[in-house]
All heavy atoms as atom14 arrays in JSON, in Angstrom:
{
  "sequence": "WVAAITRGGTTNYADSVKDRFTISRDNAKNAVYLQMNSLKPEDTAVYY",
  "atom14_mask": [
    [1, 1, 1, 1, 1, 1, 1, 1, 1, 1, 1, 1, 1, 1],
    [1, 1, 1, 1, 1, 1, 1, 0, 0, 0, 0, 0, 0, 0],
    [1, 1, 1, 1, 1, 0, 0, 0, 0, 0, 0, 0, 0, 0],
    [1, 1, 1, 1, 1, 0, 0, 0, 0, 0, 0, 0, 0, 0],
    [1, 1, 1, 1, 1, 1, 1, 1, 0, 0, 0, 0, 0, 0],
    [1, 1, 1, 1, 1, 1, 1, 0, 0, 0, 0, 0, 0, 0],
    [1, 1, 1, 1, 1, 1, 1, 1, 1, 1, 1, 0, 0, 0],
    [1, 1, 1, 1, 0, 0, 0, 0, 0, 0, 0, 0, 0, 0],
    [1, 1, 1, 1, 0, 0, 0, 0, 0, 0, 0, 0, 0, 0],
    [1, 1, 1, 1, 1, 1, 1, 0, 0, 0, 0, 0, 0, 0],
    [1, 1, 1, 1, 1, 1, 1, 0, 0, 0, 0, 0, 0, 0],
    [1, 1, 1, 1, 1, 1, 1, 1, 0, 0, 0, 0, 0, 0],
    [1, 1, 1, 1, 1, 1, 1, 1, 1, 1, 1, 1, 0, 0],
    [1, 1, 1, 1, 1, 0, 0, 0, 0, 0, 0, 0, 0, 0],
    [1, 1, 1, 1, 1, 1, 1, 1, 0, 0, 0, 0, 0, 0],
    [1, 1, 1, 1, 1, 1, 0, 0, 0, 0, 0, 0, 0, 0],
    [1, 1, 1, 1, 1, 1, 1, 0, 0, 0, 0, 0, 0, 0],
    [1, 1, 1, 1, 1, 1, 1, 1, 1, 0, 0, 0, 0, 0],
    [1, 1, 1, 1, 1, 1, 1, 1, 0, 0, 0, 0, 0, 0],
    [1, 1, 1, 1, 1, 1, 1, 1, 1, 1, 1, 0, 0, 0],
    [1, 1, 1, 1, 1, 1, 1, 1, 1, 1, 1, 0, 0, 0],
    [1, 1, 1, 1, 1, 1, 1, 0, 0, 0, 0, 0, 0, 0],
    [1, 1, 1, 1, 1, 1, 1, 1, 0, 0, 0, 0, 0, 0],
    [1, 1, 1, 1, 1, 1, 0, 0, 0, 0, 0, 0, 0, 0],
    [1, 1, 1, 1, 1, 1, 1, 1, 1, 1, 1, 0, 0, 0],
    [1, 1, 1, 1, 1, 1, 1, 1, 0, 0, 0, 0, 0, 0],
    [1, 1, 1, 1, 1, 1, 1, 1, 0, 0, 0, 0, 0, 0],
    [1, 1, 1, 1, 1, 0, 0, 0, 0, 0, 0, 0, 0, 0],
    [1, 1, 1, 1, 1, 1, 1, 1, 1, 0, 0, 0, 0, 0],
    [1, 1, 1, 1, 1, 1, 1, 1, 0, 0, 0, 0, 0, 0],
    [1, 1, 1, 1, 1, 0, 0, 0, 0, 0, 0, 0, 0, 0],
    [1, 1, 1, 1, 1, 1, 1, 0, 0, 0, 0, 0, 0, 0],
    [1, 1, 1, 1, 1, 1, 1, 1, 1, 1, 1, 1, 0, 0],
    [1, 1, 1, 1, 1, 1, 1, 1, 0, 0, 0, 0, 0, 0],
    [1, 1, 1, 1, 1, 1, 1, 1, 1, 0, 0, 0, 0, 0],
    [1, 1, 1, 1, 1, 1, 1, 1, 0, 0, 0, 0, 0, 0],
    [1, 1, 1, 1, 1, 1, 1, 1, 0, 0, 0, 0, 0, 0],
    [1, 1, 1, 1, 1, 1, 0, 0, 0, 0, 0, 0, 0, 0],
    [1, 1, 1, 1, 1, 1, 1, 1, 0, 0, 0, 0, 0, 0],
    [1, 1, 1, 1, 1, 1, 1, 1, 1, 0, 0, 0, 0, 0],
    [1, 1, 1, 1, 1, 1, 1, 0, 0, 0, 0, 0, 0, 0],
    [1, 1, 1, 1, 1, 1, 1, 1, 1, 0, 0, 0, 0, 0],
    [1, 1, 1, 1, 1, 1, 1, 1, 0, 0, 0, 0, 0, 0],
    [1, 1, 1, 1, 1, 1, 1, 0, 0, 0, 0, 0, 0, 0],
    [1, 1, 1, 1, 1, 0, 0, 0, 0, 0, 0, 0, 0, 0],
    [1, 1, 1, 1, 1, 1, 1, 0, 0, 0, 0, 0, 0, 0],
    [1, 1, 1, 1, 1, 1, 1, 1, 1, 1, 1, 1, 0, 0],
    [1, 1, 1, 1, 1, 1, 1, 1, 1, 1, 1, 1, 0, 0]
  ],
  "atom14_positions": [
    [[2.59, -8.27, -6.52], [1.61, -7.25, -6.07], [1.6, -7.12, -4.52], [1.77, -8.1, -3.75], [0.17, -7.85, -6.5], [-1.0, -7.06, -5.89], [-1.45, -5.84, -6.29], [-1.72, -7.49, -4.77], [-2.51, -5.49, -5.5], [-2.72, -6.42, -4.61], [-1.82, -8.64, -3.97], [-3.75, -6.5, -3.55], [-2.73, -8.58, -2.95], [-3.79, -7.58, -2.81]],
    [[1.48, -5.91, -4.02], [1.61, -5.52, -2.65], [0.21, -5.15, -2.07], [-0.19, -5.59, -1.05], [2.59, -4.44, -2.41], [2.63, -4.01, -1.02], [4.07, -4.94, -2.83], [0.0, 0.0, 0.0], [0.0, 0.0, 0.0], [0.0, 0.0, 0.0], [0.0, 0.0, 0.0], [0.0, 0.0, 0.0], [0.0, 0.0, 0.0], [0.0, 0.0, 0.0]],
    [[-0.41, -4.13, -2.71], [-1.68, -3.53, -2.27], [-2.37, -2.8, -3.29], [-1.81, -2.43, -4.33], [-1.28, -2.62, -1.08], [0.0, 0.0, 0.0], [0.0, 0.0, 0.0], [0.0, 0.0, 0.0], [0.0, 0.0, 0.0], [0.0, 0.0, 0.0], [0.0, 0.0, 0.0], [0.0, 0.0, 0.0], [0.0, 0.0, 0.0], [0.0, 0.0, 0.0]],
    [[-3.72, -2.74, -3.18], [-4.56, -2.11, -4.22], [-5.61, -1.35, -3.49], [-6.11, -1.72, -2.43], [-5.1, -3.09, -5.16], [0.0, 0.0, 0.0], [0.0, 0.0, 0.0], [0.0, 0.0, 0.0], [0.0, 0.0, 0.0], [0.0, 0.0, 0.0], [0.0, 0.0, 0.0], [0.0, 0.0, 0.0], [0.0, 0.0, 0.0], [0.0, 0.0, 0.0]],
    [[-6.2, -0.29, -4.09], [-7.3, 0.38, -3.61], [-8.16, 0.87, -4.77], [-7.72, 1.3, -5.81], [-6.79, 1.76, -2.92], [-7.91, 2.47, -2.17], [-5.87, 2.67, -3.67], [-7.52, 3.54, -1.23], [0.0, 0.0, 0.0], [0.0, 0.0, 0.0], [0.0, 0.0, 0.0], [0.0, 0.0, 0.0], [0.0, 0.0, 0.0], [0.0, 0.0, 0.0]],
    [[-9.42, 0.57, -4.62], [-10.48, 0.89, -5.62], [-10.81, 2.42, -5.63], [-10.39, 3.13, -4.84], [-11.77, 0.05, -5.48], [-12.46, 0.5, -4.29], [-11.45, -1.4, -5.32], [0.0, 0.0, 0.0], [0.0, 0.0, 0.0], [0.0, 0.0, 0.0], [0.0, 0.0, 0.0], [0.0, 0.0, 0.0], [0.0, 0.0, 0.0], [0.0, 0.0, 0.0]],
    [[-11.52, 2.85, -6.64], [-12.0, 4.18, -6.74], [-12.76, 4.58, -5.54], [-12.59, 5.75, -5.02], [-12.8, 4.43, -7.98], [-13.12, 5.89, -8.25], [-14.12, 5.96, -9.44], [-13.35, 5.57, -10.66], [-13.97, 5.43, -11.89], [-15.32, 5.78, -11.99], [-13.28, 5.02, -12.8], [0.0, 0.0, 0.0], [0.0, 0.0, 0.0], [0.0, 0.0, 0.0]],
    [[-13.46, 3.67, -4.96], [-14.3, 4.08, -3.76], [-13.55, 3.88, -2.46], [-14.11, 4.13, -1.4], [0.0, 0.0, 0.0], [0.0, 0.0, 0.0], [0.0, 0.0, 0.0], [0.0, 0.0, 0.0], [0.0, 0.0, 0.0], [0.0, 0.0, 0.0], [0.0, 0.0, 0.0], [0.0, 0.0, 0.0], [0.0, 0.0, 0.0], [0.0, 0.0, 0.0]],
    [[-12.39, 3.49, -2.55], [-11.53, 3.31, -1.27], [-11.38, 2.01, -0.72], [-10.86, 1.9, 0.43], [0.0, 0.0, 0.0], [0.0, 0.0, 0.0], [0.0, 0.0, 0.0], [0.0, 0.0, 0.0], [0.0, 0.0, 0.0], [0.0, 0.0, 0.0], [0.0, 0.0, 0.0], [0.0, 0.0, 0.0], [0.0, 0.0, 0.0], [0.0, 0.0, 0.0]],
    [[-11.96, 0.93, -1.32], [-11.76, -0.38, -0.83], [-10.32, -0.85, -0.87], [-9.8, -0.72, -1.99], [-12.67, -1.42, -1.47], [-14.1, -0.96, -1.3], [-12.63, -2.82, -0.88], [0.0, 0.0, 0.0], [0.0, 0.0, 0.0], [0.0, 0.0, 0.0], [0.0, 0.0, 0.0], [0.0, 0.0, 0.0], [0.0, 0.0, 0.0], [0.0, 0.0, 0.0]],
    [[-9.8, -1.35, 0.19], [-8.34, -1.84, 0.08], [-8.17, -3.29, 0.11], [-9.0, -3.99, 0.83], [-7.53, -1.12, 1.18], [-8.08, -1.45, 2.48], [-7.56, 0.4, 0.96], [0.0, 0.0, 0.0], [0.0, 0.0, 0.0], [0.0, 0.0, 0.0], [0.0, 0.0, 0.0], [0.0, 0.0, 0.0], [0.0, 0.0, 0.0], [0.0, 0.0, 0.0]],
    [[-7.04, -3.78, -0.42], [-6.65, -5.17, -0.32], [-5.1, -5.22, -0.27], [-4.35, -4.36, -0.85], [-7.07, -6.02, -1.59], [-8.68, -6.23, -1.49], [-9.09, -7.09, -0.78], [-9.34, -5.44, -2.34], [0.0, 0.0, 0.0], [0.0, 0.0, 0.0], [0.0, 0.0, 0.0], [0.0, 0.0, 0.0], [0.0, 0.0, 0.0], [0.0, 0.0, 0.0]],
    [[-4.59, -6.19, 0.51], [-3.13, -6.31, 0.77], [-2.71, -7.76, 0.56], [-3.41, -8.72, 0.87], [-2.82, -5.87, 2.18], [-3.23, -4.44, 2.48], [-4.46, -4.2, 3.0], [-2.34, -3.4, 2.24], [-4.79, -2.9, 3.34], [-2.61, -2.12, 2.51], [-3.95, -1.83, 3.07], [-4.25, -0.54, 3.27], [0.0, 0.0, 0.0], [0.0, 0.0, 0.0]],
    [[-1.43, -7.86, 0.14], [-0.76, -9.19, 0.15], [-0.58, -9.6, 1.66], [-0.35, -8.73, 2.57], [0.61, -9.11, -0.45], [0.0, 0.0, 0.0], [0.0, 0.0, 0.0], [0.0, 0.0, 0.0], [0.0, 0.0, 0.0], [0.0, 0.0, 0.0], [0.0, 0.0, 0.0], [0.0, 0.0, 0.0], [0.0, 0.0, 0.0], [0.0, 0.0, 0.0]],
    [[-0.61, -10.88, 1.88], [-0.47, -11.39, 3.22], [0.86, -10.92, 3.96], [0.99, -10.73, 5.1], [-0.49, -12.87, 3.24], [-1.88, -13.47, 3.0], [-2.89, -12.59, 3.08], [-2.06, -14.62, 2.58], [0.0, 0.0, 0.0], [0.0, 0.0, 0.0], [0.0, 0.0, 0.0], [0.0, 0.0, 0.0], [0.0, 0.0, 0.0], [0.0, 0.0, 0.0]],
    [[1.92, -10.8, 3.1], [3.21, -10.51, 3.62], [3.33, -9.05, 4.18], [4.2, -8.78, 4.95], [4.28, -10.64, 2.55], [3.97, -9.77, 1.36], [0.0, 0.0, 0.0], [0.0, 0.0, 0.0], [0.0, 0.0, 0.0], [0.0, 0.0, 0.0], [0.0, 0.0, 0.0], [0.0, 0.0, 0.0], [0.0, 0.0, 0.0], [0.0, 0.0, 0.0]],
    [[2.41, -8.11, 3.82], [2.44, -6.81, 4.28], [1.19, -6.41, 5.05], [1.1, -5.29, 5.63], [2.56, -5.72, 3.13], [3.86, -6.19, 2.36], [1.34, -5.69, 2.28], [0.0, 0.0, 0.0], [0.0, 0.0, 0.0], [0.0, 0.0, 0.0], [0.0, 0.0, 0.0], [0.0, 0.0, 0.0], [0.0, 0.0, 0.0], [0.0, 0.0, 0.0]],
    [[0.22, -7.32, 5.13], [-0.99, -6.95, 5.89], [-0.74, -6.55, 7.3], [0.06, -7.22, 7.94], [-1.92, -8.18, 5.81], [-3.31, -7.94, 6.37], [-4.18, -9.14, 6.2], [-5.61, -8.89, 6.7], [-6.41, -10.08, 6.62], [0.0, 0.0, 0.0], [0.0, 0.0, 0.0], [0.0, 0.0, 0.0], [0.0, 0.0, 0.0], [0.0, 0.0, 0.0]],
    [[-1.44, -5.59, 7.81], [-1.28, -5.04, 9.14], [0.11, -4.24, 9.35], [0.13, -3.62, 10.45], [-1.27, -6.12, 10.25], [-2.58, -6.87, 10.17], [-3.69, -6.32, 9.93], [-2.51, -8.11, 10.38], [0.0, 0.0, 0.0], [0.0, 0.0, 0.0], [0.0, 0.0, 0.0], [0.0, 0.0, 0.0], [0.0, 0.0, 0.0], [0.0, 0.0, 0.0]],
    [[0.8, -4.04, 8.33], [2.09, -3.12, 8.46], [2.02, -2.05, 7.35], [2.38, -1.06, 7.69], [3.25, -4.08, 8.17], [3.48, -5.17, 9.19], [4.86, -5.82, 9.05], [5.08, -6.48, 7.79], [5.96, -6.09, 6.87], [6.82, -5.08, 7.07], [5.98, -6.72, 5.67], [0.0, 0.0, 0.0], [0.0, 0.0, 0.0], [0.0, 0.0, 0.0]],
    [[1.3, -2.39, 6.21], [1.3, -1.3, 5.19], [-0.16, -0.84, 5.08], [-1.17, -1.61, 5.29], [1.72, -1.92, 3.82], [3.24, -2.2, 3.7], [3.97, -2.16, 4.86], [3.71, -2.58, 2.52], [5.39, -2.52, 4.7], [5.04, -2.95, 2.31], [5.85, -2.94, 3.38], [0.0, 0.0, 0.0], [0.0, 0.0, 0.0], [0.0, 0.0, 0.0]],
    [[-0.31, 0.46, 4.6], [-1.6, 1.04, 4.41], [-1.54, 1.78, 3.08], [-0.68, 2.67, 2.89], [-1.99, 1.94, 5.51], [-1.96, 1.28, 6.76], [-3.38, 2.52, 5.31], [0.0, 0.0, 0.0], [0.0, 0.0, 0.0], [0.0, 0.0, 0.0], [0.0, 0.0, 0.0], [0.0, 0.0, 0.0], [0.0, 0.0, 0.0], [0.0, 0.0, 0.0]],
    [[-2.41, 1.45, 2.13], [-2.6, 2.17, 1.04], [-3.78, 3.13, 1.09], [-4.77, 2.83, 1.7], [-2.85, 1.11, -0.2], [-2.75, 1.9, -1.52], [-4.03, 0.44, -0.13], [-2.69, 0.97, -2.76], [0.0, 0.0, 0.0], [0.0, 0.0, 0.0], [0.0, 0.0, 0.0], [0.0, 0.0, 0.0], [0.0, 0.0, 0.0], [0.0, 0.0, 0.0]],
    [[-3.5, 4.38, 0.42], [-4.57, 5.4, 0.49], [-4.43, 6.08, -0.79], [-3.52, 5.97, -1.55], [-4.42, 6.24, 1.74], [-3.17, 6.91, 1.68], [0.0, 0.0, 0.0], [0.0, 0.0, 0.0], [0.0, 0.0, 0.0], [0.0, 0.0, 0.0], [0.0, 0.0, 0.0], [0.0, 0.0, 0.0], [0.0, 0.0, 0.0], [0.0, 0.0, 0.0]],
    [[-5.52, 6.86, -1.1], [-5.55, 7.69, -2.27], [-6.22, 9.11, -2.13], [-6.94, 9.21, -1.13], [-6.26, 6.93, -3.45], [-7.73, 6.69, -3.22], [-8.25, 5.72, -4.21], [-8.41, 6.34, -5.52], [-8.57, 5.68, -6.71], [-8.68, 4.25, -6.72], [-8.66, 6.25, -7.85], [0.0, 0.0, 0.0], [0.0, 0.0, 0.0], [0.0, 0.0, 0.0]],
    [[-5.79, 9.95, -2.99], [-6.5, 11.36, -2.87], [-6.86, 11.51, -4.36], [-6.11, 11.87, -5.23], [-5.44, 12.4, -2.46], [-6.12, 13.7, -2.34], [-7.1, 14.02, -3.05], [-5.59, 14.58, -1.55], [0.0, 0.0, 0.0], [0.0, 0.0, 0.0], [0.0, 0.0, 0.0], [0.0, 0.0, 0.0], [0.0, 0.0, 0.0], [0.0, 0.0, 0.0]],
    [[-8.2, 11.32, -4.61], [-8.72, 11.48, -5.93], [-8.6, 12.81, -6.58], [-8.4, 13.0, -7.82], [-10.16, 10.96, -6.0], [-10.38, 9.51, -5.72], [-9.43, 8.7, -6.11], [-11.49, 9.11, -5.17], [0.0, 0.0, 0.0], [0.0, 0.0, 0.0], [0.0, 0.0, 0.0], [0.0, 0.0, 0.0], [0.0, 0.0, 0.0], [0.0, 0.0, 0.0]],
    [[-8.7, 13.95, -5.75], [-8.52, 15.27, -6.16], [-7.15, 15.46, -6.65], [-7.01, 16.43, -7.48], [-8.99, 16.24, -5.15], [0.0, 0.0, 0.0], [0.0, 0.0, 0.0], [0.0, 0.0, 0.0], [0.0, 0.0, 0.0], [0.0, 0.0, 0.0], [0.0, 0.0, 0.0], [0.0, 0.0, 0.0], [0.0, 0.0, 0.0], [0.0, 0.0, 0.0]],
    [[-6.1, 14.84, -6.23], [-4.68, 15.0, -6.51], [-4.24, 13.93, -7.5], [-3.08, 13.98, -7.76], [-3.94, 15.18, -5.28], [-4.27, 16.21, -4.35], [-3.41, 16.25, -3.15], [-3.67, 17.4, -2.24], [-2.95, 17.36, -1.01], [0.0, 0.0, 0.0], [0.0, 0.0, 0.0], [0.0, 0.0, 0.0], [0.0, 0.0, 0.0], [0.0, 0.0, 0.0]],
    [[-4.96, 12.95, -7.78], [-4.62, 11.89, -8.63], [-3.44, 11.22, -8.02], [-2.46, 10.86, -8.74], [-4.34, 12.33, -10.03], [-5.52, 12.77, -10.86], [-6.62, 12.33, -10.64], [-5.34, 13.65, -11.83], [0.0, 0.0, 0.0], [0.0, 0.0, 0.0], [0.0, 0.0, 0.0], [0.0, 0.0, 0.0], [0.0, 0.0, 0.0], [0.0, 0.0, 0.0]],
    [[-3.5, 10.96, -6.76], [-2.38, 10.44, -6.0], [-2.71, 9.12, -5.34], [-3.85, 8.96, -4.83], [-1.92, 11.43, -5.03], [0.0, 0.0, 0.0], [0.0, 0.0, 0.0], [0.0, 0.0, 0.0], [0.0, 0.0, 0.0], [0.0, 0.0, 0.0], [0.0, 0.0, 0.0], [0.0, 0.0, 0.0], [0.0, 0.0, 0.0], [0.0, 0.0, 0.0]],
    [[-1.68, 8.29, -5.11], [-1.84, 7.02, -4.33], [-0.54, 7.05, -3.37], [0.51, 7.29, -3.72], [-2.02, 5.78, -5.12], [-0.78, 5.59, -6.09], [-2.26, 4.58, -4.31], [0.0, 0.0, 0.0], [0.0, 0.0, 0.0], [0.0, 0.0, 0.0], [0.0, 0.0, 0.0], [0.0, 0.0, 0.0], [0.0, 0.0, 0.0], [0.0, 0.0, 0.0]],
    [[-0.84, 6.59, -2.16], [0.22, 6.52, -1.2], [0.34, 5.17, -0.64], [-0.59, 4.31, -0.7], [-0.04, 7.53, -0.01], [-0.31, 8.91, -0.62], [-1.63, 9.3, -0.78], [0.7, 9.84, -0.92], [-1.87, 10.59, -1.2], [0.38, 11.03, -1.37], [-0.95, 11.47, -1.51], [-1.17, 12.75, -1.98], [0.0, 0.0, 0.0], [0.0, 0.0, 0.0]],
    [[1.52, 4.78, -0.08], [1.81, 3.59, 0.67], [2.55, 3.92, 1.89], [3.78, 4.19, 1.93], [2.54, 2.54, -0.22], [2.64, 1.09, 0.42], [1.28, 0.5, 0.45], [3.66, 0.34, -0.35], [0.0, 0.0, 0.0], [0.0, 0.0, 0.0], [0.0, 0.0, 0.0], [0.0, 0.0, 0.0], [0.0, 0.0, 0.0], [0.0, 0.0, 0.0]],
    [[1.84, 3.85, 3.05], [2.5, 3.97, 4.34], [3.02, 2.62, 4.82], [2.23, 1.68, 4.92], [1.43, 4.58, 5.36], [2.1, 4.69, 6.74], [3.19, 5.71, 6.84], [2.94, 6.83, 6.34], [4.25, 5.41, 7.5], [0.0, 0.0, 0.0], [0.0, 0.0, 0.0], [0.0, 0.0, 0.0], [0.0, 0.0, 0.0], [0.0, 0.0, 0.0]],
    [[4.36, 2.54, 5.05], [5.0, 1.31, 5.37], [5.58, 1.37, 6.75], [6.48, 2.18, 7.01], [6.09, 1.0, 4.34], [5.64, 0.83, 2.87], [6.91, 0.45, 1.78], [8.04, 1.76, 1.83], [0.0, 0.0, 0.0], [0.0, 0.0, 0.0], [0.0, 0.0, 0.0], [0.0, 0.0, 0.0], [0.0, 0.0, 0.0], [0.0, 0.0, 0.0]],
    [[4.99, 0.6, 7.73], [5.43, 0.56, 9.01], [6.12, -0.79, 9.34], [5.86, -1.79, 8.71], [4.31, 0.89, 10.0], [3.73, 2.19, 9.76], [4.45, 3.21, 9.46], [2.46, 2.34, 9.95], [0.0, 0.0, 0.0], [0.0, 0.0, 0.0], [0.0, 0.0, 0.0], [0.0, 0.0, 0.0], [0.0, 0.0, 0.0], [0.0, 0.0, 0.0]],
    [[6.84, -0.9, 10.48], [7.5, -2.09, 10.92], [8.16, -2.82, 9.84], [7.95, -4.03, 9.58], [6.43, -3.0, 11.51], [5.79, -2.34, 12.6], [0.0, 0.0, 0.0], [0.0, 0.0, 0.0], [0.0, 0.0, 0.0], [0.0, 0.0, 0.0], [0.0, 0.0, 0.0], [0.0, 0.0, 0.0], [0.0, 0.0, 0.0], [0.0, 0.0, 0.0]],
    [[8.98, -2.05, 9.08], [9.67, -2.54, 7.86], [10.6, -3.66, 8.27], [11.32, -3.69, 9.31], [10.32, -1.51, 7.11], [9.43, -0.55, 6.37], [10.14, 0.63, 5.93], [8.98, -1.37, 5.08], [0.0, 0.0, 0.0], [0.0, 0.0, 0.0], [0.0, 0.0, 0.0], [0.0, 0.0, 0.0], [0.0, 0.0, 0.0], [0.0, 0.0, 0.0]],
    [[10.8, -4.67, 7.41], [11.59, -5.78, 7.49], [12.65, -5.82, 6.44], [12.4, -5.29, 5.38], [10.83, -7.15, 7.61], [9.7, -7.17, 8.58], [8.88, -8.45, 8.39], [7.79, -8.52, 9.46], [7.03, -9.72, 9.22], [0.0, 0.0, 0.0], [0.0, 0.0, 0.0], [0.0, 0.0, 0.0], [0.0, 0.0, 0.0], [0.0, 0.0, 0.0]],
    [[13.75, -6.46, 6.59], [14.7, -6.66, 5.57], [14.16, -7.26, 4.33], [14.5, -6.97, 3.12], [15.84, -7.55, 6.17], [15.83, -7.15, 7.54], [14.44, -7.03, 7.88], [0.0, 0.0, 0.0], [0.0, 0.0, 0.0], [0.0, 0.0, 0.0], [0.0, 0.0, 0.0], [0.0, 0.0, 0.0], [0.0, 0.0, 0.0], [0.0, 0.0, 0.0]],
    [[13.16, -8.2, 4.48], [12.47, -8.77, 3.42], [11.63, -7.89, 2.56], [11.24, -8.23, 1.46], [11.54, -9.99, 3.94], [12.18, -10.95, 4.75], [12.07, -10.53, 6.2], [13.06, -9.87, 6.78], [11.18, -11.09, 6.92], [0.0, 0.0, 0.0], [0.0, 0.0, 0.0], [0.0, 0.0, 0.0], [0.0, 0.0, 0.0], [0.0, 0.0, 0.0]],
    [[11.4, -6.58, 3.11], [10.68, -5.61, 2.32], [11.5, -4.94, 1.24], [10.98, -4.06, 0.5], [10.01, -4.61, 3.25], [8.91, -5.25, 4.14], [8.22, -6.09, 3.58], [8.99, -4.98, 5.28], [0.0, 0.0, 0.0], [0.0, 0.0, 0.0], [0.0, 0.0, 0.0], [0.0, 0.0, 0.0], [0.0, 0.0, 0.0], [0.0, 0.0, 0.0]],
    [[12.82, -5.14, 1.37], [13.76, -4.43, 0.45], [13.38, -4.78, -0.96], [13.34, -6.03, -1.34], [15.09, -4.89, 0.67], [15.55, -4.41, 2.05], [16.13, -4.29, -0.33], [0.0, 0.0, 0.0], [0.0, 0.0, 0.0], [0.0, 0.0, 0.0], [0.0, 0.0, 0.0], [0.0, 0.0, 0.0], [0.0, 0.0, 0.0], [0.0, 0.0, 0.0]],
    [[13.2, -3.73, -1.77], [12.72, -3.95, -3.12], [12.54, -2.63, -3.82], [12.55, -1.59, -3.24], [11.37, -4.73, -3.2], [0.0, 0.0, 0.0], [0.0, 0.0, 0.0], [0.0, 0.0, 0.0], [0.0, 0.0, 0.0], [0.0, 0.0, 0.0], [0.0, 0.0, 0.0], [0.0, 0.0, 0.0], [0.0, 0.0, 0.0], [0.0, 0.0, 0.0]],
    [[12.42, -2.68, -5.22], [11.92, -1.44, -5.94], [10.43, -1.51, -5.86], [9.83, -2.53, -6.34], [12.58, -1.45, -7.34], [11.88, -0.31, -8.17], [14.04, -1.35, -7.36], [0.0, 0.0, 0.0], [0.0, 0.0, 0.0], [0.0, 0.0, 0.0], [0.0, 0.0, 0.0], [0.0, 0.0, 0.0], [0.0, 0.0, 0.0], [0.0, 0.0, 0.0]],
    [[9.84, -0.47, -5.5], [8.42, -0.39, -5.44], [7.82, 0.44, -6.63], [8.37, 1.56, -6.89], [7.9, 0.22, -4.15], [8.1, -0.71, -2.96], [9.36, -0.95, -2.44], [6.95, -1.23, -2.33], [9.47, -1.87, -1.46], [7.13, -2.15, -1.28], [8.34, -2.46, -0.82], [8.4, -3.26, 0.24], [0.0, 0.0, 0.0], [0.0, 0.0, 0.0]],
    [[6.71, -0.05, -7.22], [6.19, 0.55, -8.42], [4.62, 0.84, -8.19], [3.99, -0.13, -7.69], [6.36, -0.36, -9.67], [7.7, -0.73, -10.04], [8.34, -1.77, -9.52], [8.42, 0.09, -10.93], [9.66, -2.19, -9.92], [9.64, -0.2, -11.35], [10.3, -1.39, -10.84], [11.6, -1.65, -11.24], [0.0, 0.0, 0.0], [0.0, 0.0, 0.0]]
  ]
}
C-alpha cells in the first residue's frame, strides 16, 4: 500500500513516500491521482 484518500478527502501515506507523494481525487470525474516528486530508484514498481 502506498496512499489512500477517503470520500471526504482525508489522506494517508506509507512512511516510504510521505512528504514526496500526494494523492488527490476528483469525485465529479471518478478519478484519483498520485503526484510523485523527488522520485528514488526504490520507487520503481508497477503502480495500481
